[in-house]
Amino acid sequence: MLPKNVKLLLACLAAGFIGGCGTPCGAPGRLCAPVTSNTSTPAPAHRQAPAAADMAEPASTAQTHAIAMPGTAAGAGMWSAGQSGTQPTAQGGGAPDPAAPAAPASAAAVPAASAGTGAQASGQPGPAAPAAPADGAAPYRIGLLLPLRSETLRLPAEALRAGFMAGWERDREGYTVTVIETGDAAPDVLSAYVAALAQQDMIVGPLSRSAVTAIAGSALVNKPTIALNHPDARGETVLPAQMMVIGLSIEDEARQTAEWAAREQPGAVAYVLAGSAQWQRRSASAFAAQWQKLGHAAKAVDLQVLNGYLNDAELVQLRARLQGESLMMLFAALDPDQSRQLRVALAAPPLGDIPIYGTSSLNPGKAKLVPGPEMDGVRLMDLPWQLQRDHPAVMVYPRLQGGADRKPDADMERLYALGIDAFRVAREVARGAVKHEPAKFKLDGVTGQLSVQFGDGPARFERRALPAVYKNGVPVPVTALVQP
């Protein structure tokens, strides 16, 4: 028989081991789990196997929930965004809207990405691994590089991540997605990008202009890279052959608006109105340049903004100035409230109904539309996601949901839509890469009509936004317009 002190020692050791595994396996630092929490997709079988501690955790059962709007308050019944390096958790207090489509679930856990980045998926419970391609090949690995640790860019990054995973959930066969968290500093993003190149077949991201600029100029891009924003000095930056930019651009919308207005208002003088915000100046400058390129005259008008509203005295002066023009139109690089203020100020006789054009900045989104006819007749460009909710290409994806006391923001909706199209573009580019063939295709996207060419010289990407006109206080698509 063993001495009593040896028996006591063995009993203590057994109790300690059982107590360590009694905590949830997904909890960081526990005996059944890796040190950092992971929610990314499983690695292909033929690649290096994960550590035993990672493989000990079985894939969780797939669950579906309405996709939470970034920043939804706890207790609202939606999935709350987790902190950096932690597993997001479900909040109690209510069920998702039963009318909302089911949201995508994320993937099962794999080891965290290296270089200090946390590999995370969509921020929701993970289902079983995605089915392998029918031909038995290993899944194509996509790394989604987002500034989820950034104070200023976290909410946009969460909206984009949710959209990307919604796209992946619908067409997941043959693809794995690992979300790689970064801050917003360019060196941090560049370090994470280098680490991701060693582990992924394609990188989607980054999101900030400075980070895109850093990667574009790094001479490190040797795998397909789909950036989610434009670099600084866009017209002067030469992108690597393996890099393509698909970010939303208010400048592109402004140029397309100029082409549309030129067809409807030939020979008109364009008064280009803008406030002091940087995005307003960029939008106005892009419109004016394109308008003049088309052979028309443009006159810039800078408007003062106080507490978000235009200066009434300046609007009176603008009315007097416009009365001297016989053929004119306005481009409003303004927000929805400023545009409404402008329209009301100019609507009274003798000016009458002056044609006003703008970009998506004139559409506050369904939740914030103001009833009334004041904006009727105003023309704008926006995404199908915002204008055509009944379109088949839009209806197949779940909407971004808000909490009980918060509606989805229009900008977050647009970033969510960008995430959906980002996955769809990545999937098509990946198909060409697997076959070692250039990818050339068109997509009826939720952010517009997309034309893509990748893998045959410099990448080319074009998005055509959807024209619309306000009717009964709501922007309605101009379906009769034939786009070039």
Protein backbone atom coordinates (compact mmCIF):
# COMPACT_ATOMS: atom_id res chain seq x y z
CA MET A 1 0.00 0.00 0.00
CA LEU A 2 1.12 3.56 -0.73
CA PRO A 3 2.01 5.79 2.16
CA LYS A 4 -0.76 8.16 3.24
CA ASN A 5 1.20 11.28 2.17
CA VAL A 6 1.65 9.94 -1.38
CA LYS A 7 -2.11 9.22 -1.64
CA LEU A 8 -2.87 12.73 -0.46
CA LEU A 9 -0.49 14.24 -3.03
CA LEU A 10 -2.08 12.27 -5.92
CA ALA A 11 -5.56 13.30 -4.82
CA CYS A 12 -4.60 16.99 -4.82
CA LEU A 13 -3.06 16.76 -8.30
CA ALA A 14 -6.21 15.11 -9.71
CA ALA A 15 -8.47 17.71 -8.18
CA GLY A 16 -6.37 20.52 -9.63
CA PHE A 17 -6.48 19.09 -13.16
CA ILE A 18 -10.26 18.57 -13.08
CA GLY A 19 -10.78 22.09 -11.78
CA GLY A 20 -8.68 23.55 -14.62
CA CYS A 21 -10.77 21.84 -17.31
CA GLY A 22 -14.04 22.65 -15.62
CA THR A 23 -14.04 26.11 -17.25
CA PRO A 24 -15.36 26.62 -20.82
CA CYS A 25 -12.90 25.35 -23.41
CA GLY A 26 -13.19 28.56 -25.35
CA ALA A 27 -11.92 30.69 -22.50
CA PRO A 28 -8.43 32.07 -23.13
CA GLY A 29 -5.61 30.63 -21.04
CA ARG A 30 -7.50 27.51 -19.87
CA LEU A 31 -6.03 24.02 -20.09
CA CYS A 32 -8.46 23.05 -22.87
CA ALA A 33 -7.82 26.12 -25.03
CA PRO A 34 -5.03 28.21 -26.57
CA VAL A 35 -3.76 31.24 -24.71
CA THR A 36 -5.65 33.62 -27.01
CA SER A 37 -9.24 33.15 -28.09
CA ASN A 38 -9.71 32.27 -31.76
CA THR A 39 -12.74 32.19 -34.01
CA SER A 40 -11.28 31.76 -37.47
CA THR A 41 -11.80 28.96 -39.96
CA PRO A 42 -10.01 25.60 -39.83
CA ALA A 43 -6.73 25.13 -41.62
CA PRO A 44 -6.53 22.78 -44.65
CA ALA A 45 -5.64 19.21 -43.74
CA HIS A 46 -2.43 19.01 -45.75
CA ARG A 47 -0.88 22.01 -44.01
CA GLN A 48 0.86 21.99 -40.65
CA ALA A 49 -1.47 20.64 -37.97
CA PRO A 50 -2.44 22.90 -35.08
CA ALA A 51 -1.17 22.26 -31.59
CA ALA A 52 -2.89 19.54 -29.53
CA ALA A 53 -4.48 22.13 -27.26
CA ASP A 54 -6.22 23.72 -30.26
CA MET A 55 -7.42 20.42 -31.71
CA ALA A 56 -8.90 19.38 -28.39
CA GLU A 57 -11.74 21.85 -28.85
CA PRO A 58 -14.53 20.44 -31.06
CA ALA A 59 -16.29 22.64 -33.61
CA SER A 60 -19.30 24.29 -32.05
CA THR A 61 -22.81 23.90 -33.38
CA ALA A 62 -23.79 26.46 -36.00
CA GLN A 63 -26.13 29.16 -34.74
CA THR A 64 -27.84 31.99 -36.56
CA HIS A 65 -28.74 35.42 -35.22
CA ALA A 66 -29.61 38.79 -36.67
CA ILE A 67 -26.41 40.66 -37.42
CA ALA A 68 -25.82 43.32 -34.80
CA MET A 69 -25.13 46.87 -35.79
CA PRO A 70 -21.63 47.82 -34.55
CA GLY A 71 -21.83 49.42 -31.14
CA THR A 72 -25.22 47.95 -30.16
CA ALA A 73 -25.69 48.28 -26.42
CA ALA A 74 -25.43 45.21 -24.24
CA GLY A 75 -28.72 43.59 -23.41
CA ALA A 76 -30.30 44.51 -26.73
CA GLY A 77 -30.58 40.89 -27.80
CA MET A 78 -27.90 41.13 -30.51
CA TRP A 79 -24.31 39.98 -30.78
CA SER A 80 -22.01 42.49 -29.17
CA ALA A 81 -18.58 43.22 -30.61
CA GLY A 82 -15.84 41.78 -28.40
CA GLN A 83 -12.71 43.51 -27.24
CA SER A 84 -9.41 42.92 -28.95
CA GLY A 85 -8.22 39.37 -28.54
CA THR A 86 -11.38 38.12 -26.82
CA GLN A 87 -14.31 36.01 -27.91
CA PRO A 88 -17.42 38.14 -28.51
CA THR A 89 -20.32 36.89 -26.43
CA ALA A 90 -24.09 36.81 -26.77
CA GLN A 91 -26.04 39.41 -24.85
CA GLY A 92 -29.26 38.40 -23.16
CA GLY A 93 -32.46 40.33 -22.83
CA GLY A 94 -34.31 39.62 -26.05
CA ALA A 95 -34.54 37.60 -29.23
CA PRO A 96 -33.48 38.81 -32.68
CA ASP A 97 -36.12 40.34 -34.90
CA PRO A 98 -37.98 37.31 -36.31
CA ALA A 99 -38.56 39.18 -39.58
CA ALA A 100 -34.83 39.61 -40.14
CA PRO A 101 -33.01 36.97 -42.22
CA ALA A 102 -30.57 34.71 -40.41
CA ALA A 103 -27.09 36.13 -40.07
CA PRO A 104 -23.96 34.20 -41.03
CA ALA A 105 -22.18 32.16 -38.41
CA SER A 106 -18.43 32.30 -38.20
CA ALA A 107 -16.00 29.45 -38.51
CA ALA A 108 -14.38 27.09 -36.04
CA ALA A 109 -11.12 27.88 -34.27
CA VAL A 110 -7.57 27.60 -35.59
CA PRO A 111 -4.31 28.91 -34.13
CA ALA A 112 -3.98 32.69 -33.93
CA ALA A 113 -2.16 34.59 -36.63
CA SER A 114 1.44 35.41 -35.89
CA ALA A 115 3.15 38.79 -35.60
CA GLY A 116 1.04 39.71 -32.61
CA THR A 117 -2.31 39.75 -34.43
CA GLY A 118 -5.40 38.00 -33.16
CA ALA A 119 -7.08 35.75 -35.70
CA GLN A 120 -10.82 36.15 -35.35
CA ALA A 121 -13.85 35.42 -37.50
CA SER A 122 -17.19 37.14 -37.70
CA GLY A 123 -17.68 37.68 -33.99
CA GLN A 124 -20.39 35.02 -33.66
CA PRO A 125 -20.41 31.34 -32.56
CA GLY A 126 -18.62 29.09 -35.03
CA PRO A 127 -20.18 26.27 -37.05
CA ALA A 128 -18.45 23.21 -38.40
CA ALA A 129 -15.72 23.60 -40.98
CA PRO A 130 -16.77 24.66 -44.48
CA ALA A 131 -17.09 21.88 -47.00
CA ALA A 132 -13.98 21.19 -49.04
CA PRO A 133 -14.13 21.77 -52.81
CA ALA A 134 -15.76 18.99 -54.80
CA ASP A 135 -12.42 18.10 -56.41
CA GLY A 136 -10.84 17.41 -53.01
CA ALA A 137 -8.45 20.37 -53.13
CA ALA A 138 -7.55 22.22 -49.95
CA PRO A 139 -9.78 25.22 -49.12
CA TYR A 140 -8.56 28.59 -50.37
CA ARG A 141 -7.42 30.70 -47.41
CA ILE A 142 -8.53 34.34 -47.22
CA GLY A 143 -7.17 36.68 -44.57
CA LEU A 144 -9.42 39.65 -43.72
CA LEU A 145 -7.19 42.43 -42.37
CA LEU A 146 -9.19 44.99 -40.39
CA PRO A 147 -8.43 47.70 -37.76
CA LEU A 148 -10.61 46.13 -35.07
CA ARG A 149 -8.27 47.41 -32.34
CA SER A 150 -8.54 51.01 -33.53
CA GLU A 151 -10.61 53.44 -31.45
CA THR A 152 -11.59 55.47 -34.51
CA LEU A 153 -12.04 52.68 -37.07
CA ARG A 154 -13.36 49.80 -34.95
CA LEU A 155 -17.06 50.36 -35.72
CA PRO A 156 -16.54 50.69 -39.50
CA ALA A 157 -14.32 47.60 -39.38
CA GLU A 158 -16.99 45.63 -37.52
CA ALA A 159 -19.64 46.57 -40.07
CA LEU A 160 -17.36 45.54 -42.91
CA ARG A 161 -16.45 42.28 -41.19
CA ALA A 162 -20.14 41.44 -40.68
CA GLY A 163 -20.83 42.02 -44.37
CA PHE A 164 -17.85 39.97 -45.48
CA MET A 165 -18.94 37.04 -43.33
CA ALA A 166 -22.51 37.37 -44.65
CA GLY A 167 -21.09 36.94 -48.15
CA TRP A 168 -18.90 34.02 -47.04
CA GLU A 169 -21.82 32.28 -45.33
CA ARG A 170 -23.79 32.25 -48.58
CA ASP A 171 -20.91 30.91 -50.75
CA ARG A 172 -18.54 29.34 -48.25
CA GLU A 173 -17.71 26.05 -49.96
CA GLY A 174 -13.99 25.83 -50.67
CA TYR A 175 -12.98 28.99 -48.74
CA THR A 176 -11.79 29.69 -45.23
CA VAL A 177 -11.69 33.17 -43.69
CA THR A 178 -9.39 34.35 -40.92
CA VAL A 179 -10.04 37.85 -39.57
CA ILE A 180 -6.79 39.50 -38.49
CA GLU A 181 -7.13 42.35 -36.02
CA THR A 182 -4.85 45.40 -36.18
CA GLY A 183 -4.74 48.96 -34.93
CA ASP A 184 -4.83 51.89 -37.33
CA ALA A 185 -1.11 52.74 -37.34
CA ALA A 186 0.50 51.92 -40.68
CA PRO A 187 3.52 50.05 -39.15
CA ASP A 188 1.18 47.81 -37.14
CA VAL A 189 -0.88 47.01 -40.24
CA LEU A 190 2.21 46.40 -42.36
CA SER A 191 3.60 43.97 -39.78
CA ALA A 192 0.29 42.07 -39.65
CA TYR A 193 0.15 42.01 -43.46
CA VAL A 194 3.62 40.46 -43.71
CA ALA A 195 2.63 37.75 -41.21
CA ALA A 196 -0.62 37.09 -43.07
CA LEU A 197 1.19 36.60 -46.37
CA ALA A 198 2.89 33.55 -44.89
CA GLN A 199 -0.39 31.97 -43.76
CA GLN A 200 -3.02 33.00 -46.32
CA ASP A 201 -3.54 32.64 -50.05
CA MET A 202 -5.17 36.08 -50.36
CA ILE A 203 -5.45 39.21 -48.20
CA VAL A 204 -8.56 41.40 -48.16
CA GLY A 205 -7.75 44.76 -46.56
CA PRO A 206 -6.57 46.99 -45.05
CA LEU A 207 -9.22 49.67 -44.48
CA SER A 208 -7.45 52.97 -43.74
CA ARG A 209 -5.95 55.13 -46.47
CA SER A 210 -2.58 55.35 -44.70
CA ALA A 211 -2.36 51.57 -44.34
CA VAL A 212 -3.26 51.00 -48.00
CA THR A 213 -0.60 53.53 -48.96
CA ALA A 214 2.01 51.78 -46.81
CA ILE A 215 1.31 48.35 -48.30
CA ALA A 216 1.12 49.67 -51.87
CA GLY A 217 4.58 51.19 -51.50
CA SER A 218 6.17 48.32 -49.57
CA ALA A 219 7.28 46.06 -52.46
CA LEU A 220 5.93 43.14 -50.38
CA VAL A 221 2.75 42.39 -52.32
CA ASN A 222 3.33 38.92 -53.75
CA LYS A 223 -0.16 37.44 -53.29
CA PRO A 224 -3.59 38.71 -54.36
CA THR A 225 -4.45 41.69 -52.14
CA ILE A 226 -7.82 43.45 -52.28
CA ALA A 227 -7.65 46.81 -50.50
CA LEU A 228 -10.82 48.27 -48.98
CA ASN A 229 -9.86 51.92 -49.41
CA HIS A 230 -7.90 54.08 -51.80
CA PRO A 231 -4.31 55.15 -51.13
CA ASP A 232 -3.31 58.73 -50.46
CA ALA A 233 -2.47 60.62 -53.66
CA ARG A 234 -4.72 58.20 -55.50
CA GLY A 235 -3.98 59.52 -58.96
CA GLU A 236 -0.22 59.36 -58.40
CA THR A 237 0.10 55.96 -56.68
CA VAL A 238 1.01 52.99 -58.88
CA LEU A 239 -0.38 49.82 -57.34
CA PRO A 240 1.52 46.51 -57.46
CA ALA A 241 0.19 44.06 -60.06
CA GLN A 242 -1.17 41.79 -57.30
CA MET A 243 -3.08 44.59 -55.58
CA MET A 244 -6.53 45.93 -56.38
CA VAL A 245 -8.59 48.67 -54.68
CA ILE A 246 -12.37 48.26 -54.33
CA GLY A 247 -13.16 50.87 -51.67
CA LEU A 248 -16.23 53.08 -51.83
CA SER A 249 -15.36 56.50 -53.25
CA ILE A 250 -17.42 59.66 -53.04
CA GLU A 251 -15.14 61.09 -55.74
CA ASP A 252 -16.17 58.30 -58.12
CA GLU A 253 -19.82 58.99 -57.34
CA ALA A 254 -19.27 62.70 -58.05
CA ARG A 255 -17.68 61.98 -61.43
CA GLN A 256 -20.53 59.65 -62.39
CA THR A 257 -23.00 62.31 -61.28
CA ALA A 258 -21.27 64.80 -63.59
CA GLU A 259 -21.69 62.41 -66.53
CA TRP A 260 -25.36 61.92 -65.68
CA ALA A 261 -26.01 65.67 -65.30
CA ALA A 262 -24.23 66.40 -68.57
CA ARG A 263 -26.65 64.11 -70.41
CA GLU A 264 -29.69 65.70 -68.77
CA GLN A 265 -28.51 69.33 -68.66
CA PRO A 266 -26.40 69.88 -71.81
CA GLY A 267 -24.80 73.30 -71.95
CA ALA A 268 -25.77 74.26 -68.39
CA VAL A 269 -23.45 76.15 -66.05
CA ALA A 270 -22.82 74.04 -62.95
CA TYR A 271 -22.69 75.78 -59.59
CA VAL A 272 -20.65 73.47 -57.36
CA LEU A 273 -21.59 74.00 -53.70
CA ALA A 274 -19.55 72.66 -50.80
CA GLY A 275 -19.03 73.19 -47.08
CA SER A 276 -15.70 73.09 -45.30
CA ALA A 277 -15.51 69.35 -44.55
CA GLN A 278 -12.74 67.47 -46.30
CA TRP A 279 -15.09 64.96 -47.93
CA GLN A 280 -17.21 67.84 -49.27
CA ARG A 281 -14.18 69.49 -50.85
CA ARG A 282 -13.06 66.20 -52.41
CA SER A 283 -16.53 65.54 -53.81
CA ALA A 284 -16.91 69.06 -55.21
CA SER A 285 -13.45 69.00 -56.76
CA ALA A 286 -14.08 65.63 -58.46
CA PHE A 287 -17.40 66.81 -59.92
CA ALA A 288 -15.98 70.11 -61.19
CA ALA A 289 -13.00 68.42 -62.82
CA GLN A 290 -15.20 65.87 -64.61
CA TRP A 291 -17.75 68.52 -65.61
CA GLN A 292 -15.05 70.68 -67.18
CA LYS A 293 -13.51 67.62 -68.82
CA LEU A 294 -16.86 67.11 -70.53
CA GLY A 295 -16.61 70.64 -71.94
CA HIS A 296 -18.91 72.53 -69.56
CA ALA A 297 -18.43 75.56 -67.31
CA ALA A 298 -18.31 75.17 -63.52
CA LYS A 299 -18.40 77.81 -60.79
CA ALA A 300 -17.30 76.91 -57.26
CA VAL A 301 -19.29 78.23 -54.29
CA ASP A 302 -17.87 77.73 -50.78
CA LEU A 303 -20.51 77.86 -48.07
CA GLN A 304 -19.98 78.50 -44.38
CA VAL A 305 -21.34 75.90 -41.97
CA LEU A 306 -22.23 76.67 -38.36
CA ASN A 307 -23.40 73.87 -36.06
CA GLY A 308 -24.07 71.71 -39.10
CA TYR A 309 -26.25 74.25 -40.96
CA LEU A 310 -25.63 76.65 -43.83
CA ASN A 311 -25.42 80.39 -43.31
CA ASP A 312 -28.79 82.00 -44.13
CA ALA A 313 -27.22 85.25 -45.34
CA GLU A 314 -25.07 83.34 -47.83
CA LEU A 315 -28.12 81.50 -49.15
CA VAL A 316 -29.83 84.86 -49.79
CA GLN A 317 -26.74 86.00 -51.71
CA LEU A 318 -26.72 82.75 -53.67
CA ARG A 319 -30.37 83.27 -54.66
CA ALA A 320 -29.55 86.71 -56.04
CA ARG A 321 -26.56 85.35 -57.94
CA LEU A 322 -28.52 82.50 -59.54
CA GLN A 323 -31.25 84.84 -60.78
CA GLY A 324 -28.78 86.15 -63.36
CA GLU A 325 -28.30 82.71 -64.96
CA SER A 326 -30.57 81.45 -67.72
CA LEU A 327 -29.34 77.82 -67.90
CA MET A 328 -27.87 76.32 -64.76
CA MET A 329 -27.81 73.37 -62.38
CA LEU A 330 -26.39 72.78 -58.90
CA PHE A 331 -24.11 70.09 -57.54
CA ALA A 332 -24.52 69.88 -53.76
CA ALA A 333 -21.52 68.40 -51.93
CA LEU A 334 -23.54 68.64 -48.73
CA ASP A 335 -25.14 66.39 -46.12
CA PRO A 336 -28.91 65.63 -46.10
CA ASP A 337 -29.88 68.43 -43.66
CA GLN A 338 -27.83 71.04 -45.52
CA SER A 339 -29.27 69.92 -48.85
CA ARG A 340 -32.81 70.23 -47.50
CA GLN A 341 -32.00 73.72 -46.19
CA LEU A 342 -30.58 74.68 -49.60
CA ARG A 343 -33.60 73.34 -51.49
CA VAL A 344 -36.09 75.21 -49.28
CA ALA A 345 -34.12 78.47 -49.59
CA LEU A 346 -34.01 78.31 -53.40
CA ALA A 347 -37.46 76.90 -54.11
CA ALA A 348 -39.39 80.16 -53.83
CA PRO A 349 -40.13 82.20 -57.03
CA PRO A 350 -38.67 83.55 -59.20
CA LEU A 351 -36.02 80.80 -59.28
CA GLY A 352 -38.45 77.91 -59.33
CA ASP A 353 -37.24 74.32 -59.66
CA ILE A 354 -33.45 74.41 -60.16
CA PRO A 355 -31.96 70.98 -61.01
CA ILE A 356 -29.91 69.76 -58.03
CA TYR A 357 -27.57 66.77 -58.18
CA GLY A 358 -25.49 65.07 -55.51
CA THR A 359 -23.91 61.86 -54.30
CA SER A 360 -24.92 59.33 -51.66
CA SER A 361 -24.22 62.03 -49.06
CA LEU A 362 -27.74 63.33 -49.81
CA ASN A 363 -29.33 60.06 -48.64
CA PRO A 364 -29.44 59.70 -44.83
CA GLY A 365 -30.75 56.15 -45.05
CA LYS A 366 -34.23 54.72 -44.54
CA ALA A 367 -34.20 55.15 -40.76
CA LYS A 368 -33.48 58.90 -40.93
CA LEU A 369 -35.50 60.04 -43.94
CA VAL A 370 -37.57 63.15 -43.18
CA PRO A 371 -41.15 62.98 -44.51
CA GLY A 372 -42.17 65.78 -46.84
CA PRO A 373 -41.81 66.99 -50.42
CA GLU A 374 -38.91 69.40 -49.85
CA MET A 375 -36.33 67.12 -51.48
CA ASP A 376 -38.55 65.85 -54.30
CA GLY A 377 -36.80 66.10 -57.67
CA VAL A 378 -33.28 66.14 -56.21
CA ARG A 379 -31.05 63.63 -58.03
CA LEU A 380 -28.29 61.53 -56.45
CA MET A 381 -26.10 58.47 -56.80
CA ASP A 382 -26.11 55.70 -54.19
CA LEU A 383 -25.68 51.95 -53.71
CA PRO A 384 -28.31 49.37 -54.70
CA TRP A 385 -28.11 48.19 -51.07
CA GLN A 386 -29.65 51.52 -50.03
CA LEU A 387 -31.99 52.05 -52.99
CA GLN A 388 -33.18 48.61 -54.14
CA ARG A 389 -34.03 46.54 -51.10
CA ASP A 390 -36.33 44.38 -53.23
CA HIS A 391 -33.63 43.57 -55.83
CA PRO A 392 -32.81 39.82 -55.95
CA ALA A 393 -29.06 40.48 -55.54
CA VAL A 394 -29.80 42.48 -52.38
CA MET A 395 -32.58 40.39 -50.82
CA VAL A 396 -30.47 37.24 -50.51
CA TYR A 397 -28.32 38.79 -47.76
CA PRO A 398 -29.41 39.64 -44.20
CA ARG A 399 -29.75 43.30 -43.25
CA LEU A 400 -27.58 44.92 -40.62
CA GLN A 401 -29.73 45.10 -37.48
CA GLY A 402 -29.82 47.76 -34.78
CA GLY A 403 -30.80 47.56 -31.14
CA ALA A 404 -34.12 48.51 -29.61
CA ASP A 405 -33.08 52.16 -29.29
CA ARG A 406 -30.71 52.51 -32.23
CA LYS A 407 -31.22 52.34 -35.98
CA PRO A 408 -28.46 51.30 -38.39
CA ASP A 409 -26.41 54.25 -39.61
CA ALA A 410 -26.38 54.76 -43.40
CA ASP A 411 -22.59 54.82 -43.53
CA MET A 412 -22.40 51.55 -41.57
CA GLU A 413 -24.96 50.04 -43.95
CA ARG A 414 -22.77 51.02 -46.90
CA LEU A 415 -19.66 49.49 -45.28
CA TYR A 416 -21.62 46.33 -44.54
CA ALA A 417 -22.59 46.20 -48.23
CA LEU A 418 -18.94 46.74 -49.20
CA GLY A 419 -18.05 43.72 -47.07
CA ILE A 420 -20.53 41.56 -48.97
CA ASP A 421 -19.16 42.60 -52.35
CA ALA A 422 -15.58 42.31 -51.08
CA PHE A 423 -16.10 38.60 -50.46
CA ARG A 424 -17.81 38.11 -53.82
CA VAL A 425 -14.93 39.80 -55.64
CA ALA A 426 -12.35 37.86 -53.59
CA ARG A 427 -14.09 34.59 -54.45
CA GLU A 428 -13.99 35.28 -58.19
CA VAL A 429 -10.35 36.42 -58.09
CA ALA A 430 -9.49 33.27 -56.11
CA ARG A 431 -11.05 31.07 -58.77
CA GLY A 432 -8.75 32.56 -61.36
CA ALA A 433 -5.71 32.28 -59.08
CA VAL A 434 -6.35 28.57 -58.43
CA LYS A 435 -6.47 27.95 -62.18
CA HIS A 436 -3.46 30.22 -62.76
CA GLU A 437 -5.63 32.28 -65.08
CA PRO A 438 -6.48 35.99 -65.13
CA ALA A 439 -9.84 36.85 -63.59
CA LYS A 440 -12.11 38.98 -65.75
CA PHE A 441 -15.74 39.26 -64.72
CA LYS A 442 -18.74 41.46 -63.98
CA LEU A 443 -20.94 41.32 -60.90
CA ASP A 444 -24.40 42.66 -60.15
CA GLY A 445 -23.20 43.81 -56.75
CA VAL A 446 -24.99 45.27 -53.75
CA THR A 447 -22.68 48.30 -54.06
CA GLY A 448 -23.22 48.73 -57.81
CA GLN A 449 -22.40 47.19 -61.16
CA LEU A 450 -18.85 45.86 -60.78
CA SER A 451 -16.30 45.26 -63.54
CA VAL A 452 -13.08 43.49 -62.52
CA GLN A 453 -9.89 42.45 -64.26
CA PHE A 454 -7.12 40.87 -62.17
CA GLY A 455 -3.98 38.89 -62.93
CA ASP A 456 -3.18 40.27 -66.38
CA GLY A 457 -1.09 43.39 -65.83
CA PRO A 458 -2.35 46.17 -63.56
CA ALA A 459 -5.63 45.29 -61.85
CA ARG A 460 -8.73 47.16 -62.99
CA PHE A 461 -11.86 47.76 -60.95
CA GLU A 462 -14.90 49.88 -61.72
CA ARG A 463 -18.11 50.40 -59.77
CA ARG A 464 -21.14 52.09 -61.31
CA ALA A 465 -23.45 53.50 -58.66
CA LEU A 466 -27.21 53.63 -59.07
CA PRO A 467 -28.91 56.92 -60.04
CA ALA A 468 -32.00 57.94 -58.09
CA VAL A 469 -34.39 60.85 -57.67
CA TYR A 470 -36.35 61.90 -54.59
CA LYS A 471 -40.08 61.22 -54.88
CA ASN A 472 -42.51 61.72 -51.99
CA GLY A 473 -39.54 62.21 -49.70
CA VAL A 474 -37.82 58.93 -50.67
CA PRO A 475 -34.95 58.36 -53.15
CA VAL A 476 -36.24 56.11 -55.95
CA PRO A 477 -33.96 54.41 -58.54
CA VAL A 478 -34.02 55.86 -62.03
CA THR A 479 -34.43 52.53 -63.80
CA ALA A 480 -34.96 54.09 -67.21
CA LEU A 481 -31.50 55.64 -67.27
CA VAL A 482 -29.14 53.82 -69.61
CA GLN A 483 -25.64 53.81 -68.15
CA PRO A 484 -22.61 53.91 -70.45
